[in-house]
Protein backbone atom coordinates (compact mmCIF):
# COMPACT_ATOMS: atom_id res chain seq x y z
CA MET A 1 -7.11 147.07 36.08
CA ALA A 2 -9.28 145.74 33.73
CA ALA A 3 -6.70 144.56 31.57
CA SER A 4 -5.25 142.14 34.39
CA VAL A 5 -8.25 140.88 35.30
CA LEU A 6 -8.97 139.69 31.79
CA ARG A 7 -5.93 138.35 31.30
CA SER A 8 -6.34 136.17 34.58
CA ALA A 9 -10.04 134.77 33.34
CA LEU A 10 -8.45 134.31 30.40
CA ALA A 11 -5.66 132.24 31.40
CA ALA A 12 -8.08 130.03 33.76
CA ILE A 13 -10.33 129.57 30.17
CA GLU A 14 -7.55 128.65 28.43
CA ASN A 15 -6.69 126.00 31.39
CA ALA A 16 -9.69 124.35 30.77
CA GLU A 17 -9.45 124.27 27.90
CA ALA A 18 -6.37 121.74 28.09
CA ALA A 19 -6.33 118.35 26.32
CA ASP A 20 -7.50 115.44 28.45
CA PRO A 21 -4.39 113.04 29.46
CA ALA A 22 -7.28 109.91 29.14
CA ASP A 23 -7.52 110.80 25.62
CA ALA A 24 -3.81 110.22 25.10
CA PRO A 25 -3.11 107.23 22.71
CA GLN A 26 -1.41 104.83 25.39
CA PRO A 27 1.86 103.00 23.79
CA GLY A 28 1.43 99.55 22.84
CA LEU A 29 3.04 96.38 22.24
CA GLY A 30 5.28 96.86 19.00
CA GLN A 31 4.57 100.12 17.45
CA SER A 32 8.12 100.94 18.42
CA PRO A 33 11.30 100.44 18.67
CA ILE A 34 11.66 102.71 22.25
CA ALA A 35 9.02 100.79 24.39
CA GLY A 36 6.89 102.35 26.37
CA SER A 37 6.50 105.21 23.53
CA VAL A 38 3.92 105.60 20.82
CA SER A 39 5.05 105.70 16.73
CA GLY A 40 3.75 108.24 14.33
CA LEU A 41 3.86 111.12 12.98
CA ARG A 42 2.20 113.15 15.66
CA ALA A 43 1.01 109.92 17.03
CA ALA A 44 1.04 111.77 21.02
CA GLU A 45 -0.35 114.81 20.18
CA VAL A 46 -3.68 115.50 21.42
CA GLY A 47 -6.05 118.32 20.64
CA ARG A 48 -8.15 121.07 23.14
CA ARG A 49 -11.37 120.51 24.74
CA ASN A 50 -13.78 122.56 22.84
CA LEU A 51 -15.83 124.80 25.73
CA THR A 52 -19.20 125.42 24.68
CA ALA A 53 -20.42 128.87 25.61
CA ALA A 54 -22.25 127.97 29.30
CA GLU A 55 -18.55 126.46 30.17
CA VAL A 56 -17.27 129.27 29.48
CA GLU A 57 -19.31 131.68 31.59
CA GLU A 58 -19.27 129.42 34.33
CA ILE A 59 -15.30 129.55 34.96
CA VAL A 60 -15.95 133.57 34.67
CA ARG A 61 -18.57 133.29 37.03
CA ALA A 62 -16.37 130.81 39.60
CA GLU A 63 -13.46 133.69 39.09
CA ALA A 64 -15.31 136.33 39.81
CA ALA A 65 -16.72 134.60 42.89
CA GLU A 66 -13.41 133.40 44.37
CA ARG A 67 -12.40 136.78 43.79
CA LEU A 68 -15.35 137.78 46.19
CA VAL A 69 -14.98 135.18 48.60
CA ALA A 70 -11.09 136.57 48.86
CA ALA A 71 -12.15 139.42 49.57
CA GLY A 72 -14.35 138.41 52.55
CA GLU A 73 -11.54 137.24 54.20
CA TYR A 74 -9.53 140.36 53.32
CA VAL A 75 -12.13 142.07 55.08
CA ARG A 76 -12.50 139.54 58.16
CA LEU A 77 -8.44 140.01 59.00
CA GLY A 78 -8.96 143.19 57.90
CA HIS A 79 -7.28 143.87 54.95
CA ALA A 80 -10.07 146.39 53.37
CA ASP A 81 -8.13 147.98 50.56
CA ARG A 82 -6.59 144.58 49.04
CA ALA A 83 -10.57 143.45 49.87
CA GLU A 84 -12.09 146.36 47.20
CA ARG A 85 -9.81 145.87 45.26
CA LEU A 86 -11.11 142.21 44.51
CA ARG A 87 -14.50 143.56 44.45
CA GLN A 88 -14.24 145.22 41.70
CA GLU A 89 -11.95 143.10 39.63
CA ALA A 90 -15.25 140.48 40.55
CA ALA A 91 -17.49 143.52 39.10
CA ILE A 92 -15.26 144.07 36.28
CA LEU A 93 -16.20 139.96 35.16
CA ALA A 94 -19.73 140.45 36.01
CA HIS A 95 -19.80 142.94 33.84
CA TYR A 96 -18.46 141.09 30.81
CA LEU A 97 -21.10 138.24 31.65
CA ALA A 98 -23.80 141.63 31.69
CA ASP A 99 -22.61 142.11 28.46
CA PRO A 100 -20.41 140.00 26.62
CA GLY A 101 -20.16 142.06 23.48
CA SER A 102 -18.36 145.46 25.50
């Protein structure tokens, strides 16, 4: 279970690091023989965002909080077993927030 929840958190971090489309080069007139394109080697590539440690921590906290909210909903619907699994996942994430060296 720990590996699964950590993979999920890492995926959320990677998604947050995705390039902002607003940073992409805008095609200009006369730059390329193909309308609406940019020219040059790697001209359309945009670097990924670099997150701060605080941003990464906030993402992991949000992942844990989402699991706790969903666990509450499962309890409300009478699915205590599913709720417990989500609480355990949130606890795993909280453990890594409390001790990042683990």
